[in-house]
Amino acid sequence: MRNDTYWRDQTIALGLTCATCLALVGAIWLEITLLNHMLTEKIALVIRPTDVIIGATIYLKTAIDFAIFIARLMEKNPGLKGRIGIEIGTALGNGVGTMAILLIWSFFKEVNWLLAIMIIIASLVLLRLAQDTLTHGRSRQPALVRITGWIEKFLRAVNAVMAPLLSRIVPSRSLKVEHKKTFMALLMMAFTVPFILGLDDFAGYVPLFNVVNVFGFSVGVFIGHMVLNIALYISPSRTITLVRNPVIAILGSVAFIGLAGWGLYEAFKLLFLH
C-alpha cells in the first residue's frame, strides 16, 4: 500500500471512530434526558473526570473477549471498507447494549426489590467476567500460577452452581468469524458480539452506580471502546498481549470479585434493611 493511501485510510477510519463515539455520547445524553421526564429520581447529566476514568478503565479491563474477536475479524476482512464496517459496527453494538441495560436499570432502581434482583444478577455476571479474565491471562511463573489457581478454583465452584441461571439470563458470546462480501453483512457481524458484551459488561457495572455518575461512567465506557479500537488497528498483536497480561488479569479478577461481593451486600441491604 502506498504511503499516502495508508495515511488517507488511517485519517478516514480514525475520524469515523471519534465521530461515532461522539454520536453515542449524544445518544445516551438524549436517552437520559427522556428518562428523566419519567423518573422520580433523576439521573444527573454531569461529566466528572473521575467517573469517565473509572468507566474507561473498567471497560478496557473487561474487553479481552472483544479484543480477540475484533483482531480475528480484522484479519478476515482487511481494507478500508472492512475497517469502517468493523469500527462503526462494534461501536454501535457496544453502545446499544450499554443503553439497553441503562434503560432497564433506570426503572428497576425505582423499586428496591427489583433493583436488588438486578444487582444480584449483575454480581453473578461479574463473577463470570472474573473467571473469563483469568482464563485469558495465563502465566508460567510459579507464584502467579498458584495465585491464579486459587482464585480460579473458587470462581469455578461458584460459577458452576450459578451456570443454569446465567445461561438463561446472559446471552452466548460465541460467534463464528468469517469474511463477509457485503458491507451490511460485515456491519451486522461487527455489531453482534459487542452488543452482547455491552449487555453483559454494563449489567455487571450496576453495583458501581451507587457511587459513580451513570452518565459520566457511560461516556468513559464509550471512550474506552474507542481507544481499544484505535489501539487494535495500530498494533493488534501488542494490544492483545497487553490485555492478556497475567498480572493485569489477576488484579482485574480480584477487583471483579470484590465488586460482586459489594453488590451482593448492597442487594442484602435493599431487601432486608430498608
C-alpha atoms as a PDB file:
ATOM      1  CA  MET A   1       0.000   0.000   0.000  1.00  0.00           C
ATOM      2  CA  ARG A   2       1.355   3.472  -0.930  1.00  0.00           C
ATOM      3  CA  ASN A   3       2.239   5.729   1.999  1.00  0.00           C
ATOM      4  CA  ASP A   4      -0.244   8.469   1.043  1.00  0.00           C
ATOM      5  CA  THR A   5      -3.046   5.884   0.698  1.00  0.00           C
ATOM      6  CA  TYR A   6      -2.181   4.414   4.100  1.00  0.00           C
ATOM      7  CA  TRP A   7      -2.389   7.790   5.845  1.00  0.00           C
ATOM      8  CA  ARG A   8      -5.593   8.685   3.988  1.00  0.00           C
ATOM      9  CA  ASP A   9      -7.224   5.443   5.159  1.00  0.00           C
ATOM     10  CA  GLN A  10      -5.957   5.970   8.711  1.00  0.00           C
ATOM     11  CA  THR A  11      -7.346   9.520   8.813  1.00  0.00           C
ATOM     12  CA  ILE A  12     -10.767   8.469   7.496  1.00  0.00           C
ATOM     13  CA  ALA A  13     -11.050   5.468   9.827  1.00  0.00           C
ATOM     14  CA  LEU A  14      -9.848   7.264  12.966  1.00  0.00           C
ATOM     15  CA  GLY A  15     -12.074  10.255  12.190  1.00  0.00           C
ATOM     16  CA  LEU A  16     -15.102   7.954  11.901  1.00  0.00           C
ATOM     17  CA  THR A  17     -14.143   6.209  15.150  1.00  0.00           C
ATOM     18  CA  CYS A  18     -14.097   9.518  17.048  1.00  0.00           C
ATOM     19  CA  ALA A  19     -17.291  10.739  15.342  1.00  0.00           C
ATOM     20  CA  THR A  20     -19.124   7.505  16.258  1.00  0.00           C
ATOM     21  CA  CYS A  21     -18.019   7.878  19.893  1.00  0.00           C
ATOM     22  CA  LEU A  22     -19.361  11.459  19.975  1.00  0.00           C
ATOM     23  CA  ALA A  23     -22.636  10.307  18.381  1.00  0.00           C
ATOM     24  CA  LEU A  24     -23.068   7.625  21.056  1.00  0.00           C
ATOM     25  CA  VAL A  25     -22.403  10.161  23.818  1.00  0.00           C
ATOM     26  CA  GLY A  26     -25.132  12.322  22.270  1.00  0.00           C
ATOM     27  CA  ALA A  27     -27.471   9.321  22.054  1.00  0.00           C
ATOM     28  CA  ILE A  28     -27.065   8.366  25.716  1.00  0.00           C
ATOM     29  CA  TRP A  29     -27.479  12.036  26.723  1.00  0.00           C
ATOM     30  CA  LEU A  30     -30.773  12.038  24.821  1.00  0.00           C
ATOM     31  CA  GLU A  31     -31.811   8.720  26.419  1.00  0.00           C
ATOM     32  CA  ILE A  32     -31.151  10.034  29.933  1.00  0.00           C
ATOM     33  CA  THR A  33     -32.925  13.321  29.145  1.00  0.00           C
ATOM     34  CA  LEU A  34     -36.033  11.390  28.079  1.00  0.00           C
ATOM     35  CA  LEU A  35     -35.785   9.031  31.061  1.00  0.00           C
ATOM     36  CA  ASN A  36     -35.589  11.983  33.479  1.00  0.00           C
ATOM     37  CA  HIS A  37     -39.085  13.034  32.370  1.00  0.00           C
ATOM     38  CA  MET A  38     -40.394   9.664  33.628  1.00  0.00           C
ATOM     39  CA  LEU A  39     -38.273   9.005  36.731  1.00  0.00           C
ATOM     40  CA  THR A  40     -38.825  10.387  40.211  1.00  0.00           C
ATOM     41  CA  GLU A  41     -35.091  10.161  40.975  1.00  0.00           C
ATOM     42  CA  LYS A  42     -33.315  11.984  38.158  1.00  0.00           C
ATOM     43  CA  ILE A  43     -30.007  10.926  36.601  1.00  0.00           C
ATOM     44  CA  ALA A  44     -27.548  13.840  36.697  1.00  0.00           C
ATOM     45  CA  LEU A  45     -26.286  14.915  33.275  1.00  0.00           C
ATOM     46  CA  VAL A  46     -22.811  15.829  34.501  1.00  0.00           C
ATOM     47  CA  ILE A  47     -19.437  14.524  33.372  1.00  0.00           C
ATOM     48  CA  ARG A  48     -16.861  14.223  36.159  1.00  0.00           C
ATOM     49  CA  PRO A  49     -13.330  13.223  35.107  1.00  0.00           C
ATOM     50  CA  THR A  50     -13.163  10.527  37.800  1.00  0.00           C
ATOM     51  CA  ASP A  51     -16.352   8.852  36.536  1.00  0.00           C
ATOM     52  CA  VAL A  52     -15.050   8.905  32.955  1.00  0.00           C
ATOM     53  CA  ILE A  53     -11.698   7.423  34.014  1.00  0.00           C
ATOM     54  CA  ILE A  54     -13.397   4.672  36.056  1.00  0.00           C
ATOM     55  CA  GLY A  55     -15.726   3.827  33.167  1.00  0.00           C
ATOM     56  CA  ALA A  56     -12.902   3.677  30.597  1.00  0.00           C
ATOM     57  CA  THR A  57     -10.584   1.689  32.891  1.00  0.00           C
ATOM     58  CA  ILE A  58     -13.150  -0.936  33.838  1.00  0.00           C
ATOM     59  CA  TYR A  59     -14.335  -1.269  30.242  1.00  0.00           C
ATOM     60  CA  LEU A  60     -10.795  -1.823  28.984  1.00  0.00           C
ATOM     61  CA  LYS A  61     -10.270  -4.486  31.659  1.00  0.00           C
ATOM     62  CA  THR A  62     -13.389  -6.390  30.588  1.00  0.00           C
ATOM     63  CA  ALA A  63     -12.701  -6.094  26.854  1.00  0.00           C
ATOM     64  CA  ILE A  64     -10.402  -9.100  26.375  1.00  0.00           C
ATOM     65  CA  ASP A  65     -13.048 -11.101  24.518  1.00  0.00           C
ATOM     66  CA  PHE A  66     -13.771  -8.132  22.293  1.00  0.00           C
ATOM     67  CA  ALA A  67     -10.077  -7.556  21.515  1.00  0.00           C
ATOM     68  CA  ILE A  68      -9.620 -11.170  20.425  1.00  0.00           C
ATOM     69  CA  PHE A  69     -12.843 -11.135  18.382  1.00  0.00           C
ATOM     70  CA  ILE A  70     -12.048  -7.869  16.619  1.00  0.00           C
ATOM     71  CA  ALA A  71      -8.492  -8.950  15.782  1.00  0.00           C
ATOM     72  CA  ARG A  72      -9.831 -12.096  14.087  1.00  0.00           C
ATOM     73  CA  LEU A  73     -12.482 -10.063  12.274  1.00  0.00           C
ATOM     74  CA  MET A  74      -9.827  -7.604  11.028  1.00  0.00           C
ATOM     75  CA  GLU A  75      -7.736 -10.458   9.685  1.00  0.00           C
ATOM     76  CA  LYS A  76     -10.710 -11.876   7.742  1.00  0.00           C
ATOM     77  CA  ASN A  77     -11.909  -8.500   6.404  1.00  0.00           C
ATOM     78  CA  PRO A  78      -8.931  -6.262   5.508  1.00  0.00           C
ATOM     79  CA  GLY A  79      -9.063  -2.921   3.724  1.00  0.00           C
ATOM     80  CA  LEU A  80     -10.723   0.448   4.350  1.00  0.00           C
ATOM     81  CA  LYS A  81     -14.288  -0.797   3.785  1.00  0.00           C
ATOM     82  CA  GLY A  82     -13.735  -3.632   6.245  1.00  0.00           C
ATOM     83  CA  ARG A  83     -12.236  -1.294   8.804  1.00  0.00           C
ATOM     84  CA  ILE A  84     -15.105   1.200   8.572  1.00  0.00           C
ATOM     85  CA  GLY A  85     -17.698  -1.566   8.920  1.00  0.00           C
ATOM     86  CA  ILE A  86     -15.885  -3.118  11.883  1.00  0.00           C
ATOM     87  CA  GLU A  87     -15.314   0.166  13.713  1.00  0.00           C
ATOM     88  CA  ILE A  88     -18.848   1.522  13.266  1.00  0.00           C
ATOM     89  CA  GLY A  89     -20.497  -1.867  13.873  1.00  0.00           C
ATOM     90  CA  THR A  90     -18.566  -2.624  17.069  1.00  0.00           C
ATOM     91  CA  ALA A  91     -19.081   0.885  18.467  1.00  0.00           C
ATOM     92  CA  LEU A  92     -22.832   0.751  17.786  1.00  0.00           C
ATOM     93  CA  GLY A  93     -23.079  -2.760  19.240  1.00  0.00           C
ATOM     94  CA  ASN A  94     -21.360  -1.733  22.463  1.00  0.00           C
ATOM     95  CA  GLY A  95     -23.384   1.486  22.655  1.00  0.00           C
ATOM     96  CA  VAL A  96     -26.807  -0.095  22.086  1.00  0.00           C
ATOM     97  CA  GLY A  97     -26.053  -2.873  24.604  1.00  0.00           C
ATOM     98  CA  THR A  98     -24.996  -0.265  27.156  1.00  0.00           C
ATOM     99  CA  MET A  99     -28.090   1.871  26.605  1.00  0.00           C
ATOM    100  CA  ALA A 100     -30.383  -1.154  26.863  1.00  0.00           C
ATOM    101  CA  ILE A 101     -29.058  -2.007  30.335  1.00  0.00           C
ATOM    102  CA  LEU A 102     -29.226   1.655  31.368  1.00  0.00           C
ATOM    103  CA  LEU A 103     -32.905   1.717  30.354  1.00  0.00           C
ATOM    104  CA  ILE A 104     -33.692  -1.383  32.430  1.00  0.00           C
ATOM    105  CA  TRP A 105     -31.694  -0.130  35.446  1.00  0.00           C
ATOM    106  CA  SER A 106     -33.414   3.282  35.357  1.00  0.00           C
ATOM    107  CA  PHE A 107     -36.827   1.731  36.031  1.00  0.00           C
ATOM    108  CA  PHE A 108     -35.605  -1.045  38.343  1.00  0.00           C
ATOM    109  CA  LYS A 109     -33.947   1.476  40.676  1.00  0.00           C
ATOM    110  CA  GLU A 110     -37.362   2.983  41.433  1.00  0.00           C
ATOM    111  CA  VAL A 111     -38.352  -0.218  43.299  1.00  0.00           C
ATOM    112  CA  ASN A 112     -35.986  -1.616  45.945  1.00  0.00           C
ATOM    113  CA  TRP A 113     -36.659  -5.309  45.428  1.00  0.00           C
ATOM    114  CA  LEU A 114     -36.390  -5.020  41.625  1.00  0.00           C
ATOM    115  CA  LEU A 115     -33.110  -3.128  41.972  1.00  0.00           C
ATOM    116  CA  ALA A 116     -31.838  -5.782  44.398  1.00  0.00           C
ATOM    117  CA  ILE A 117     -32.612  -8.527  41.859  1.00  0.00           C
ATOM    118  CA  MET A 118     -30.749  -6.631  39.133  1.00  0.00           C
ATOM    119  CA  ILE A 119     -27.734  -6.073  41.409  1.00  0.00           C
ATOM    120  CA  ILE A 120     -27.640  -9.791  42.293  1.00  0.00           C
ATOM    121  CA  ILE A 121     -27.687 -10.702  38.592  1.00  0.00           C
ATOM    122  CA  ALA A 122     -25.002  -8.067  37.948  1.00  0.00           C
ATOM    123  CA  SER A 123     -22.831  -9.555  40.687  1.00  0.00           C
ATOM    124  CA  LEU A 124     -23.141 -13.029  39.153  1.00  0.00           C
ATOM    125  CA  VAL A 125     -22.148 -11.580  35.763  1.00  0.00           C
ATOM    126  CA  LEU A 126     -19.084 -10.001  37.390  1.00  0.00           C
ATOM    127  CA  LEU A 127     -18.034 -13.358  38.827  1.00  0.00           C
ATOM    128  CA  ARG A 128     -18.220 -14.883  35.370  1.00  0.00           C
ATOM    129  CA  LEU A 129     -16.229 -11.976  33.949  1.00  0.00           C
ATOM    130  CA  ALA A 130     -13.639 -12.568  36.674  1.00  0.00           C
ATOM    131  CA  GLN A 131     -13.222 -16.192  35.573  1.00  0.00           C
ATOM    132  CA  ASP A 132     -13.067 -15.201  31.885  1.00  0.00           C
ATOM    133  CA  THR A 133     -10.320 -12.698  32.708  1.00  0.00           C
ATOM    134  CA  LEU A 134      -8.178 -15.362  34.384  1.00  0.00           C
ATOM    135  CA  THR A 135      -8.727 -17.783  31.503  1.00  0.00           C
ATOM    136  CA  HIS A 136      -7.237 -15.277  29.061  1.00  0.00           C
ATOM    137  CA  GLY A 137      -4.312 -14.235  31.272  1.00  0.00           C
ATOM    138  CA  ARG A 138      -2.183 -17.348  31.713  1.00  0.00           C
ATOM    139  CA  SER A 139       1.366 -17.241  33.160  1.00  0.00           C
ATOM    140  CA  ARG A 140       4.223 -19.726  33.574  1.00  0.00           C
ATOM    141  CA  GLN A 141       5.628 -18.040  36.687  1.00  0.00           C
ATOM    142  CA  PRO A 142       5.097 -20.399  39.675  1.00  0.00           C
ATOM    143  CA  ALA A 143       3.839 -17.687  42.042  1.00  0.00           C
ATOM    144  CA  LEU A 144       1.317 -16.368  39.527  1.00  0.00           C
ATOM    145  CA  VAL A 145       0.227 -19.900  38.613  1.00  0.00           C
ATOM    146  CA  ARG A 146      -0.542 -20.638  42.292  1.00  0.00           C
ATOM    147  CA  ILE A 147      -2.458 -17.379  42.798  1.00  0.00           C
ATOM    148  CA  THR A 148      -4.406 -17.889  39.582  1.00  0.00           C
ATOM    149  CA  GLY A 149      -5.183 -21.479  40.594  1.00  0.00           C
ATOM    150  CA  TRP A 150      -6.604 -20.454  43.975  1.00  0.00           C
ATOM    151  CA  ILE A 151      -8.805 -17.726  42.516  1.00  0.00           C
ATOM    152  CA  GLU A 152      -9.938 -19.866  39.588  1.00  0.00           C
ATOM    153  CA  LYS A 153     -10.839 -22.792  41.872  1.00  0.00           C
ATOM    154  CA  PHE A 154     -13.123 -20.510  43.889  1.00  0.00           C
ATOM    155  CA  LEU A 155     -14.696 -18.937  40.789  1.00  0.00           C
ATOM    156  CA  ARG A 156     -15.198 -22.258  39.029  1.00  0.00           C
ATOM    157  CA  ALA A 157     -17.095 -23.625  42.038  1.00  0.00           C
ATOM    158  CA  VAL A 158     -19.342 -20.559  42.361  1.00  0.00           C
ATOM    159  CA  ASN A 159     -19.992 -20.187  38.631  1.00  0.00           C
ATOM    160  CA  ALA A 160     -20.763 -23.888  38.229  1.00  0.00           C
ATOM    161  CA  VAL A 161     -23.604 -23.517  40.758  1.00  0.00           C
ATOM    162  CA  MET A 162     -24.909 -20.374  39.052  1.00  0.00           C
ATOM    163  CA  ALA A 163     -24.439 -21.595  35.454  1.00  0.00           C
ATOM    164  CA  PRO A 164     -28.069 -22.786  34.963  1.00  0.00           C
ATOM    165  CA  LEU A 165     -29.336 -19.312  35.934  1.00  0.00           C
ATOM    166  CA  LEU A 166     -26.734 -17.323  33.984  1.00  0.00           C
ATOM    167  CA  SER A 167     -27.188 -19.405  30.842  1.00  0.00           C
ATOM    168  CA  ARG A 168     -30.812 -18.222  30.699  1.00  0.00           C
ATOM    169  CA  ILE A 169     -30.059 -14.584  31.503  1.00  0.00           C
ATOM    170  CA  VAL A 170     -26.750 -13.806  29.782  1.00  0.00           C
ATOM    171  CA  PRO A 171     -26.553 -14.372  26.009  1.00  0.00           C
ATOM    172  CA  SER A 172     -23.833 -16.511  24.464  1.00  0.00           C
ATOM    173  CA  ARG A 173     -20.688 -14.658  23.357  1.00  0.00           C
ATOM    174  CA  SER A 174     -19.728 -17.149  20.672  1.00  0.00           C
ATOM    175  CA  LEU A 175     -19.825 -16.125  17.030  1.00  0.00           C
ATOM    176  CA  LYS A 176     -18.077 -17.637  14.027  1.00  0.00           C
ATOM    177  CA  VAL A 177     -15.739 -15.068  12.480  1.00  0.00           C
ATOM    178  CA  GLU A 178     -15.692 -15.147   8.683  1.00  0.00           C
ATOM    179  CA  HIS A 179     -15.169 -12.989   5.606  1.00  0.00           C
ATOM    180  CA  LYS A 180     -18.254 -11.002   4.591  1.00  0.00           C
ATOM    181  CA  LYS A 181     -18.727  -9.953   0.968  1.00  0.00           C
ATOM    182  CA  THR A 182     -21.092  -7.028   1.590  1.00  0.00           C
ATOM    183  CA  PHE A 183     -20.644  -4.014   3.845  1.00  0.00           C
ATOM    184  CA  MET A 184     -24.002  -4.529   5.610  1.00  0.00           C
ATOM    185  CA  ALA A 185     -23.243  -8.179   6.374  1.00  0.00           C
ATOM    186  CA  LEU A 186     -19.910  -7.152   7.903  1.00  0.00           C
ATOM    187  CA  LEU A 187     -21.592  -4.337   9.845  1.00  0.00           C
ATOM    188  CA  MET A 188     -24.116  -6.765  11.362  1.00  0.00           C
ATOM    189  CA  MET A 189     -21.422  -9.280  12.345  1.00  0.00           C
ATOM    190  CA  ALA A 190     -19.321  -6.490  13.881  1.00  0.00           C
ATOM    191  CA  PHE A 191     -22.423  -5.298  15.786  1.00  0.00           C
ATOM    192  CA  THR A 192     -23.452  -8.655  17.282  1.00  0.00           C
ATOM    193  CA  VAL A 193     -20.618  -9.589  19.667  1.00  0.00           C
ATOM    194  CA  PRO A 194     -20.048  -6.066  21.100  1.00  0.00           C
ATOM    195  CA  PHE A 195     -23.812  -5.771  21.635  1.00  0.00           C
ATOM    196  CA  ILE A 196     -23.749  -8.969  23.707  1.00  0.00           C
ATOM    197  CA  LEU A 197     -20.599  -7.816  25.525  1.00  0.00           C
ATOM    198  CA  GLY A 198     -22.209  -4.417  26.130  1.00  0.00           C
ATOM    199  CA  LEU A 199     -25.206  -6.147  27.743  1.00  0.00           C
ATOM    200  CA  ASP A 200     -23.041  -8.465  29.846  1.00  0.00           C
ATOM    201  CA  ASP A 201     -20.416  -5.948  30.924  1.00  0.00           C
ATOM    202  CA  PHE A 202     -22.643  -2.957  31.635  1.00  0.00           C
ATOM    203  CA  ALA A 203     -25.001  -5.196  33.586  1.00  0.00           C
ATOM    204  CA  GLY A 204     -22.026  -6.151  35.724  1.00  0.00           C
ATOM    205  CA  TYR A 205     -21.289  -2.492  36.464  1.00  0.00           C
ATOM    206  CA  VAL A 206     -24.663  -1.884  38.157  1.00  0.00           C
ATOM    207  CA  PRO A 207     -23.263  -2.084  41.741  1.00  0.00           C
ATOM    208  CA  LEU A 208     -20.994   0.865  40.866  1.00  0.00           C
ATOM    209  CA  PHE A 209     -23.935   3.121  40.069  1.00  0.00           C
ATOM    210  CA  ASN A 210     -24.382   3.951  43.748  1.00  0.00           C
ATOM    211  CA  VAL A 211     -21.010   5.740  43.821  1.00  0.00           C
ATOM    212  CA  VAL A 212     -20.394   6.974  40.252  1.00  0.00           C
ATOM    213  CA  ASN A 213     -22.428   9.207  37.996  1.00  0.00           C
ATOM    214  CA  VAL A 214     -24.029   6.981  35.353  1.00  0.00           C
ATOM    215  CA  PHE A 215     -23.709   9.478  32.501  1.00  0.00           C
ATOM    216  CA  GLY A 216     -20.010  10.147  33.106  1.00  0.00           C
ATOM    217  CA  PHE A 217     -19.356   6.432  33.567  1.00  0.00           C
ATOM    218  CA  SER A 218     -21.118   5.659  30.256  1.00  0.00           C
ATOM    219  CA  VAL A 219     -19.052   8.294  28.464  1.00  0.00           C
ATOM    220  CA  GLY A 220     -15.944   6.597  29.870  1.00  0.00           C
ATOM    221  CA  VAL A 221     -17.142   3.221  28.543  1.00  0.00           C
ATOM    222  CA  PHE A 222     -17.590   4.690  25.047  1.00  0.00           C
ATOM    223  CA  ILE A 223     -14.170   6.374  25.187  1.00  0.00           C
ATOM    224  CA  GLY A 224     -12.592   3.123  26.376  1.00  0.00           C
ATOM    225  CA  HIS A 225     -14.139   1.309  23.416  1.00  0.00           C
ATOM    226  CA  MET A 226     -12.824   3.975  21.035  1.00  0.00           C
ATOM    227  CA  VAL A 227      -9.302   3.760  22.494  1.00  0.00           C
ATOM    228  CA  LEU A 228      -9.306  -0.041  22.225  1.00  0.00           C
ATOM    229  CA  ASN A 229     -10.482   0.135  18.601  1.00  0.00           C
ATOM    230  CA  ILE A 230      -7.708   2.585  17.724  1.00  0.00           C
ATOM    231  CA  ALA A 231      -5.056   0.527  19.545  1.00  0.00           C
ATOM    232  CA  LEU A 232      -6.127  -2.665  17.795  1.00  0.00           C
ATOM    233  CA  TYR A 233      -5.725  -1.097  14.370  1.00  0.00           C
ATOM    234  CA  ILE A 234      -2.366   0.474  15.214  1.00  0.00           C
ATOM    235  CA  SER A 235      -0.952  -2.794  16.605  1.00  0.00           C
ATOM    236  CA  PRO A 236      -3.301  -5.783  17.091  1.00  0.00           C
ATOM    237  CA  SER A 237      -0.637  -8.153  18.452  1.00  0.00           C
ATOM    238  CA  ARG A 238       0.718  -5.718  21.060  1.00  0.00           C
ATOM    239  CA  THR A 239      -2.767  -4.715  22.177  1.00  0.00           C
ATOM    240  CA  ILE A 240      -3.865  -8.319  22.710  1.00  0.00           C
ATOM    241  CA  THR A 241      -0.599  -9.122  24.521  1.00  0.00           C
ATOM    242  CA  LEU A 242      -1.237  -6.192  26.859  1.00  0.00           C
ATOM    243  CA  VAL A 243      -4.850  -7.090  27.674  1.00  0.00           C
ATOM    244  CA  ARG A 244      -3.766 -10.693  28.292  1.00  0.00           C
ATOM    245  CA  ASN A 245      -1.011  -9.725  30.763  1.00  0.00           C
ATOM    246  CA  PRO A 246      -1.316 -12.217  33.678  1.00  0.00           C
ATOM    247  CA  VAL A 247      -0.691  -9.626  36.413  1.00  0.00           C
ATOM    248  CA  ILE A 248      -3.400  -7.362  34.982  1.00  0.00           C
ATOM    249  CA  ALA A 249      -5.680 -10.411  34.672  1.00  0.00           C
ATOM    250  CA  ILE A 250      -5.235 -11.324  38.356  1.00  0.00           C
ATOM    251  CA  LEU A 251      -5.750  -7.750  39.564  1.00  0.00           C
ATOM    252  CA  GLY A 252      -8.812  -7.354  37.364  1.00  0.00           C
ATOM    253  CA  SER A 253     -10.274 -10.656  38.513  1.00  0.00           C
ATOM    254  CA  VAL A 254      -9.815  -9.735  42.194  1.00  0.00           C
ATOM    255  CA  ALA A 255     -11.413  -6.338  41.521  1.00  0.00           C
ATOM    256  CA  PHE A 256     -14.439  -8.000  39.906  1.00  0.00           C
ATOM    257  CA  ILE A 257     -14.801 -10.425  42.835  1.00  0.00           C
ATOM    258  CA  GLY A 258     -14.672  -7.501  45.257  1.00  0.00           C
ATOM    259  CA  LEU A 259     -17.236  -5.549  43.243  1.00  0.00           C
ATOM    260  CA  ALA A 260     -19.505  -8.607  43.063  1.00  0.00           C
ATOM    261  CA  GLY A 261     -19.272  -9.066  46.843  1.00  0.00           C
ATOM    262  CA  TRP A 262     -20.066  -5.405  47.372  1.00  0.00           C
ATOM    263  CA  GLY A 263     -23.064  -5.736  45.033  1.00  0.00           C
ATOM    264  CA  LEU A 264     -24.439  -8.706  46.955  1.00  0.00           C
ATOM    265  CA  TYR A 265     -24.053  -6.742  50.208  1.00  0.00           C
ATOM    266  CA  GLU A 266     -25.934  -3.772  48.686  1.00  0.00           C
ATOM    267  CA  ALA A 267     -28.692  -6.137  47.498  1.00  0.00           C
ATOM    268  CA  PHE A 268     -28.943  -7.608  51.010  1.00  0.00           C
ATOM    269  CA  LYS A 269     -29.383  -4.108  52.465  1.00  0.00           C
ATOM    270  CA  LEU A 270     -32.073  -3.270  49.927  1.00  0.00           C
ATOM    271  CA  LEU A 271     -34.017  -6.446  50.644  1.00  0.00           C
ATOM    272  CA  PHE A 272     -33.708  -6.678  54.428  1.00  0.00           C
ATOM    273  CA  LEU A 273     -32.562  -3.341  55.892  1.00  0.00           C
ATOM    274  CA  HIS A 274     -34.956  -0.949  54.141  1.00  0.00           C
END
